[in-house]
Amino acid sequence: MDVKFSVCNEMFENWKLSDVMRYASSIGYDGVEIAPFTICEDVTEVSRQERKAISEEAQSMGLEIVGLHWLLVKPEGLYINHPDDAIRTKTQRYMQELIRFCSDIGGSIMVIGSPKQRNVVEGITYQQAWELARSVFEECAKTAEEVGVTLCMEPLSPQETNFITTAQEAMRMIEEVGSPNFKLILDVKAMSSEDRDIPSIIRSARDVLAHFHANDANRRGPGFGDTDFVPIAGALDEIGYRGFVSVEVFDFSPDPRTIASRSLEYLRRVFR
């Protein structure tokens, strides 16, 4: 199966990005996915020259910069669907800066996760939160279209957020935004919380799936728990998915080298 494998950089705590890329390349990953808060407080402070250097360094190692995730951790105070216009406008403008940053460093995918920055705020209804979020996504999608970046809506489990917790909901938002650059990411851990089985969810997303996060239901790496990736790989193959399968973990034990190497070994066995 012709997919590419990448690894998210935040589990390499306190590592320089160049060291993460060097290690990922040395063990055979095709790309690296970056959490921007791990390299700067605010991407507007990263110069054009520094952005170019990140892109060129990745290329020199034979790696792709997949894109960005964990978008809104820093700077503080960002919130996608906050009823305060000033907060929401600030968030939209920063997301647009992130889109440009992603493009400048050679990335093409941005994962809209950030559960704590999208929970429905007390005092407004779910539908109001939905409409506020959609308005932000519509404006950001226009910027994404301009620079060739694809925004990916990530459904997350009810344990993480109370806003967009199923793939079906995420696909409804994608349909309403109506942009070719606003699509879907699926995450194995998050899908494990749904009533439907994971292969069925994948098949239902055939037309909009643009990115995929590989992890176990136990929040560790693929192959570190009981989640069987063979039917998952089969479903991705069935729908013709040819993007990145990106290792993202939330439990950083035993250590990043072991997680990255063993996860890749496992994925290579199941995605044959």
Protein backbone atom coordinates (compact mmCIF):
# COMPACT_ATOMS: atom_id res chain seq x y z
CA MET A 1 0.00 0.00 0.00
CA ASP A 2 1.42 3.32 -1.09
CA VAL A 3 1.14 5.48 2.02
CA LYS A 4 3.83 7.61 3.66
CA PHE A 5 4.75 7.57 7.33
CA SER A 6 5.44 10.59 9.50
CA VAL A 7 5.93 11.32 13.17
CA CYS A 8 4.71 14.20 15.34
CA ASN A 9 7.50 16.12 17.04
CA GLU A 10 6.05 17.01 20.46
CA MET A 11 6.90 13.66 22.04
CA PHE A 12 10.57 14.50 21.51
CA GLU A 13 10.45 16.80 24.50
CA ASN A 14 13.19 19.46 24.60
CA TRP A 15 14.70 18.20 21.32
CA LYS A 16 15.61 20.75 18.68
CA LEU A 17 13.50 20.39 15.54
CA SER A 18 16.63 19.67 13.50
CA ASP A 19 17.49 16.76 15.82
CA VAL A 20 13.96 15.37 15.55
CA MET A 21 14.15 15.50 11.77
CA ARG A 22 17.59 13.91 11.71
CA TYR A 23 16.45 11.00 13.90
CA ALA A 24 13.18 10.53 11.99
CA SER A 25 15.07 10.43 8.72
CA SER A 26 17.67 8.00 10.07
CA ILE A 27 15.06 5.36 10.97
CA GLY A 28 13.07 5.70 7.78
CA TYR A 29 10.19 8.13 8.27
CA ASP A 30 9.03 10.06 5.22
CA GLY A 31 7.97 13.18 7.08
CA VAL A 32 7.63 15.15 10.30
CA GLU A 33 4.48 16.83 11.62
CA ILE A 34 5.11 19.87 13.79
CA ALA A 35 3.34 21.28 16.84
CA PRO A 36 4.20 24.98 16.51
CA PHE A 37 4.27 25.59 20.28
CA THR A 38 7.35 23.35 20.46
CA ILE A 39 9.42 25.73 18.38
CA CYS A 40 8.08 29.19 19.19
CA GLU A 41 5.57 31.14 21.26
CA ASP A 42 4.11 32.90 18.22
CA VAL A 43 4.82 32.04 14.59
CA THR A 44 4.70 35.68 13.58
CA GLU A 45 8.08 35.97 15.32
CA VAL A 46 9.66 33.41 12.96
CA SER A 47 11.35 35.27 10.11
CA ARG A 48 11.00 34.36 6.45
CA GLN A 49 14.66 33.35 6.45
CA GLU A 50 14.13 31.01 9.43
CA ARG A 51 11.10 29.49 7.72
CA LYS A 52 13.10 28.85 4.58
CA ALA A 53 15.85 27.24 6.66
CA ILE A 54 13.37 24.75 8.19
CA SER A 55 12.13 23.77 4.75
CA GLU A 56 15.63 23.42 3.31
CA GLU A 57 16.90 21.41 6.26
CA ALA A 58 14.05 18.93 5.91
CA GLN A 59 14.70 18.60 2.19
CA SER A 60 18.41 17.99 2.82
CA MET A 61 17.46 15.03 5.04
CA GLY A 62 15.02 13.60 2.51
CA LEU A 63 12.03 14.48 4.70
CA GLU A 64 8.76 16.24 4.02
CA ILE A 65 7.31 18.75 6.42
CA VAL A 66 3.81 17.31 6.56
CA GLY A 67 2.32 20.33 8.28
CA LEU A 68 1.08 21.48 11.68
CA HIS A 69 -1.09 20.22 14.53
CA TRP A 70 -1.81 21.34 18.13
CA LEU A 71 -2.39 24.73 16.57
CA LEU A 72 -3.77 26.88 19.37
CA VAL A 73 -1.77 25.95 22.48
CA LYS A 74 0.21 29.18 22.22
CA PRO A 75 -0.08 32.08 22.39
CA GLU A 76 -2.59 31.95 25.22
CA GLY A 77 -6.14 33.19 24.92
CA LEU A 78 -7.12 31.69 21.54
CA TYR A 79 -10.60 30.20 21.09
CA ILE A 80 -12.24 29.14 17.83
CA ASN A 81 -15.91 29.58 18.74
CA HIS A 82 -15.83 32.06 21.62
CA PRO A 83 -18.81 34.44 21.70
CA ASP A 84 -16.48 37.39 22.35
CA ASP A 85 -15.83 38.85 18.89
CA ALA A 86 -12.38 40.12 19.86
CA ILE A 87 -11.19 36.69 21.05
CA ARG A 88 -12.62 34.95 18.01
CA THR A 89 -11.14 37.48 15.59
CA LYS A 90 -7.73 37.17 17.26
CA THR A 91 -7.95 33.39 16.88
CA GLN A 92 -8.96 33.60 13.23
CA ARG A 93 -6.11 35.95 12.41
CA TYR A 94 -3.59 33.75 14.20
CA MET A 95 -4.87 30.68 12.36
CA GLN A 96 -4.37 32.56 9.11
CA GLU A 97 -0.80 33.32 10.19
CA LEU A 98 -0.32 29.63 10.94
CA ILE A 99 -1.56 28.77 7.46
CA ARG A 100 1.03 31.06 5.90
CA PHE A 101 3.73 29.70 8.21
CA CYS A 102 2.79 26.13 7.27
CA SER A 103 3.12 26.96 3.59
CA ASP A 104 6.41 28.80 4.09
CA ILE A 105 8.08 25.80 5.78
CA GLY A 106 6.87 23.45 3.06
CA GLY A 107 3.86 21.97 4.84
CA SER A 108 0.48 21.29 3.26
CA ILE A 109 -1.69 19.89 6.10
CA MET A 110 -3.04 21.62 9.22
CA VAL A 111 -4.92 19.62 11.84
CA ILE A 112 -7.71 21.47 13.64
CA GLY A 113 -7.75 19.67 16.98
CA SER A 114 -7.14 21.95 19.97
CA PRO A 115 -9.95 20.55 22.15
CA LYS A 116 -9.63 23.10 24.95
CA GLN A 117 -9.90 25.97 22.48
CA ARG A 118 -13.18 24.77 20.97
CA ASN A 119 -15.37 23.54 23.85
CA VAL A 120 -18.83 25.09 23.84
CA VAL A 121 -18.60 28.09 26.15
CA GLU A 122 -21.12 28.22 28.97
CA GLY A 123 -23.98 30.55 28.13
CA ILE A 124 -24.27 29.76 24.41
CA THR A 125 -25.95 26.87 22.64
CA TYR A 126 -24.21 24.18 20.63
CA GLN A 127 -25.70 25.63 17.43
CA GLN A 128 -24.38 29.08 18.26
CA ALA A 129 -20.91 27.61 18.87
CA TRP A 130 -21.23 25.74 15.57
CA GLU A 131 -22.05 28.88 13.61
CA LEU A 132 -19.23 30.85 15.23
CA ALA A 133 -16.72 28.11 14.45
CA ARG A 134 -17.97 27.79 10.88
CA SER A 135 -17.50 31.50 10.28
CA VAL A 136 -13.87 31.25 11.43
CA PHE A 137 -13.28 28.13 9.31
CA GLU A 138 -14.78 29.78 6.23
CA GLU A 139 -12.38 32.71 6.44
CA CYS A 140 -9.39 30.48 7.20
CA ALA A 141 -10.26 28.20 4.29
CA LYS A 142 -9.99 31.17 1.92
CA THR A 143 -6.43 31.80 3.12
CA ALA A 144 -5.66 28.08 2.84
CA GLU A 145 -6.86 28.08 -0.75
CA GLU A 146 -4.56 31.01 -1.54
CA VAL A 147 -1.38 29.24 -0.35
CA GLY A 148 -2.18 25.58 -1.04
CA VAL A 149 -2.68 24.32 2.50
CA THR A 150 -5.44 21.88 3.45
CA LEU A 151 -7.18 22.43 6.80
CA CYS A 152 -8.30 19.16 8.39
CA MET A 153 -11.14 19.06 10.89
CA GLU A 154 -10.37 16.54 13.61
CA PRO A 155 -13.23 14.86 15.49
CA LEU A 156 -12.11 14.16 19.05
CA SER A 157 -13.52 12.00 21.83
CA PRO A 158 -16.08 13.30 24.36
CA GLN A 159 -13.37 12.90 27.01
CA GLU A 160 -11.39 15.63 25.25
CA THR A 161 -14.02 18.08 24.05
CA ASN A 162 -17.78 18.59 23.78
CA PHE A 163 -17.60 20.05 20.26
CA ILE A 164 -17.40 17.83 17.15
CA THR A 165 -16.88 14.42 18.69
CA THR A 166 -17.74 12.17 15.73
CA ALA A 167 -16.54 11.85 12.17
CA GLN A 168 -20.12 12.40 11.01
CA GLU A 169 -20.25 15.78 12.73
CA ALA A 170 -16.88 16.77 11.28
CA MET A 171 -18.08 15.85 7.80
CA ARG A 172 -21.17 17.98 8.28
CA MET A 173 -18.96 20.96 9.14
CA ILE A 174 -16.80 20.22 6.08
CA GLU A 175 -19.88 20.20 3.87
CA GLU A 176 -21.13 23.50 5.28
CA VAL A 177 -17.76 25.26 4.91
CA GLY A 178 -17.70 24.01 1.33
CA SER A 179 -14.02 24.57 0.51
CA PRO A 180 -11.75 22.18 -1.40
CA ASN A 181 -9.11 23.05 1.20
CA PHE A 182 -11.23 22.12 4.23
CA LYS A 183 -11.24 18.36 4.73
CA LEU A 184 -11.05 15.62 7.37
CA ILE A 185 -8.42 13.98 9.54
CA LEU A 186 -9.19 10.75 11.37
CA ASP A 187 -7.39 9.71 14.54
CA VAL A 188 -7.46 6.10 15.76
CA LYS A 189 -7.63 7.00 19.46
CA ALA A 190 -10.54 9.36 18.83
CA MET A 191 -12.40 6.93 16.57
CA SER A 192 -12.13 4.30 19.32
CA SER A 193 -14.67 6.34 21.32
CA GLU A 194 -17.36 6.13 18.61
CA ASP A 195 -20.20 3.62 18.38
CA ARG A 196 -19.17 2.55 14.87
CA ASP A 197 -16.17 0.37 14.15
CA ILE A 198 -13.09 2.15 12.80
CA PRO A 199 -13.05 0.60 9.29
CA SER A 200 -16.69 1.69 8.80
CA ILE A 201 -15.83 5.25 9.81
CA ILE A 202 -12.91 5.27 7.37
CA ARG A 203 -15.07 4.00 4.52
CA SER A 204 -17.70 6.67 5.24
CA ALA A 205 -15.00 9.35 4.89
CA ARG A 206 -13.82 8.19 1.47
CA ASP A 207 -14.45 11.51 -0.28
CA VAL A 208 -13.01 13.91 2.32
CA LEU A 209 -10.18 12.16 4.17
CA ALA A 210 -6.91 14.09 3.78
CA HIS A 211 -4.78 13.01 6.77
CA PHE A 212 -4.56 10.19 9.33
CA HIS A 213 -3.17 9.95 12.87
CA ALA A 214 -1.94 6.56 14.05
CA ASN A 215 -2.08 5.77 17.76
CA ASP A 216 -3.57 3.15 20.04
CA ALA A 217 -6.80 3.55 21.99
CA ASN A 218 -4.56 3.64 25.08
CA ARG A 219 -2.97 6.92 23.85
CA ARG A 220 0.35 5.25 23.07
CA GLY A 221 1.90 4.43 19.72
CA PRO A 222 0.47 2.02 17.16
CA GLY A 223 1.44 -1.50 18.19
CA PHE A 224 1.76 -0.50 21.86
CA GLY A 225 -1.73 -1.71 22.79
CA ASP A 226 -4.66 -3.86 21.69
CA THR A 227 -5.84 -1.86 18.67
CA ASP A 228 -5.51 -4.03 15.56
CA PHE A 229 -4.30 -1.93 12.64
CA VAL A 230 -4.69 -4.64 10.00
CA PRO A 231 -8.39 -3.87 9.29
CA ILE A 232 -7.61 -0.16 9.59
CA ALA A 233 -4.92 -0.43 6.92
CA GLY A 234 -7.29 -2.50 4.82
CA ALA A 235 -10.01 0.14 4.98
CA LEU A 236 -7.57 2.91 4.06
CA ASP A 237 -6.41 0.86 1.09
CA GLU A 238 -10.01 0.17 0.09
CA ILE A 239 -10.83 3.88 -0.17
CA GLY A 240 -7.60 4.63 -2.02
CA TYR A 241 -6.00 6.71 0.71
CA ARG A 242 -2.48 7.72 -0.31
CA GLY A 243 -1.62 10.44 2.21
CA PHE A 244 0.44 10.38 5.38
CA VAL A 245 -0.11 8.04 8.31
CA SER A 246 1.33 10.10 11.13
CA VAL A 247 2.32 8.72 14.55
CA GLU A 248 0.87 10.90 17.32
CA VAL A 249 1.05 9.78 20.94
CA PHE A 250 -0.07 11.26 24.24
CA ASP A 251 1.84 8.96 26.57
CA PHE A 252 5.53 9.67 26.00
CA SER A 253 6.83 6.56 27.75
CA PRO A 254 9.16 4.77 27.58
CA ASP A 255 11.07 7.32 25.44
CA PRO A 256 10.73 9.01 22.05
CA ARG A 257 13.29 6.88 20.23
CA THR A 258 11.58 3.65 21.24
CA ILE A 259 8.11 4.99 20.46
CA ALA A 260 9.13 6.29 17.04
CA SER A 261 11.09 3.24 15.96
CA ARG A 262 8.70 0.56 17.22
CA SER A 263 5.65 2.41 15.87
CA LEU A 264 7.22 2.60 12.42
CA GLU A 265 8.19 -1.07 12.49
CA TYR A 266 4.62 -2.01 13.37
CA LEU A 267 3.07 0.24 10.71
CA ARG A 268 5.33 -1.16 8.02
CA ARG A 269 4.15 -4.67 8.89
CA VAL A 270 0.46 -3.86 8.65
CA PHE A 271 0.55 -1.47 5.68
CA ARG A 272 1.95 -3.98 3.20
